[in-house]
Amino acid sequence: MPKMKSKRGAAKRFSLTATGKIKRDHAYGGHNFTCKTRERKRRIRHSAIVEDVDAPRIKKLLAC
């Protein structure tokens, strides 16, 4: 049986950590920074972990 292909759109947006959790970036970090506070911009810069209820669905997209 051939290998499972991952959905490339999901592979560009999510990555696995060493413990098997899924890492994601925050949204709204592309433009319009003049109306965002510096605290909000700082939070957007850091990555986050996907919630446990969404993780199985994303792992299926990543074929892992």
Protein backbone atom coordinates (compact mmCIF):
# COMPACT_ATOMS: atom_id res chain seq x y z
CA MET A 1 0.00 0.00 0.00
CA PRO A 2 1.41 3.45 -0.88
CA LYS A 3 2.23 6.12 1.65
CA MET A 4 -0.47 8.55 2.72
CA LYS A 5 -0.08 12.02 1.23
CA SER A 6 -0.45 14.98 3.56
CA LYS A 7 -2.64 17.94 2.67
CA ARG A 8 -0.08 20.52 1.66
CA GLY A 9 -2.12 23.47 2.90
CA ALA A 10 -2.23 21.94 6.37
CA ALA A 11 1.46 20.99 6.26
CA LYS A 12 2.37 24.64 5.65
CA ARG A 13 0.28 25.83 8.61
CA PHE A 14 0.86 23.18 11.28
CA SER A 15 3.88 21.30 12.63
CA LEU A 16 4.34 18.53 15.16
CA THR A 17 6.29 19.02 18.39
CA ALA A 18 8.56 16.37 19.87
CA THR A 19 5.81 15.30 22.28
CA GLY A 20 3.28 14.85 19.46
CA LYS A 21 1.28 18.04 19.96
CA ILE A 22 0.42 20.27 17.00
CA LYS A 23 1.86 23.77 16.82
CA ARG A 24 0.16 26.62 14.98
CA ASP A 25 0.65 30.34 14.38
CA HIS A 26 -1.77 33.02 15.52
CA ALA A 27 -4.06 34.71 13.02
CA TYR A 28 -4.26 38.43 12.13
CA GLY A 29 -0.50 38.94 11.96
CA GLY A 30 -0.19 39.97 8.33
CA HIS A 31 -1.07 43.65 8.11
CA ASN A 32 -2.91 46.61 9.71
CA PHE A 33 -0.52 46.93 12.62
CA THR A 34 -1.29 50.58 13.29
CA CYS A 35 -4.63 49.77 14.93
CA LYS A 36 -3.31 46.86 17.02
CA THR A 37 -1.82 47.41 20.44
CA ARG A 38 1.78 46.40 21.08
CA GLU A 39 0.64 43.72 23.53
CA ARG A 40 -1.64 42.23 20.90
CA LYS A 41 1.11 42.29 18.28
CA ARG A 42 3.47 40.59 20.71
CA ARG A 43 0.94 37.81 21.38
CA ILE A 44 0.43 37.28 17.64
CA ARG A 45 4.17 36.77 17.10
CA HIS A 46 4.33 33.68 19.31
CA SER A 47 3.05 30.26 18.28
CA ALA A 48 0.36 28.28 20.07
CA ILE A 49 -0.69 24.66 20.58
CA VAL A 50 -3.82 23.36 18.86
CA GLU A 51 -6.66 22.43 21.22
CA ASP A 52 -7.13 18.74 22.05
CA VAL A 53 -10.54 18.50 20.36
CA ASP A 54 -9.12 19.73 17.03
CA ALA A 55 -5.88 17.72 17.11
CA PRO A 56 -7.19 14.39 15.69
CA ARG A 57 -8.73 16.14 12.68
CA ILE A 58 -5.50 18.00 11.90
CA LYS A 59 -3.36 14.90 12.43
CA LYS A 60 -5.47 13.18 9.76
CA LEU A 61 -4.72 16.05 7.38
CA LEU A 62 -1.01 15.78 8.16
CA ALA A 63 -1.12 11.98 7.58
CA CYS A 64 0.73 11.13 10.78
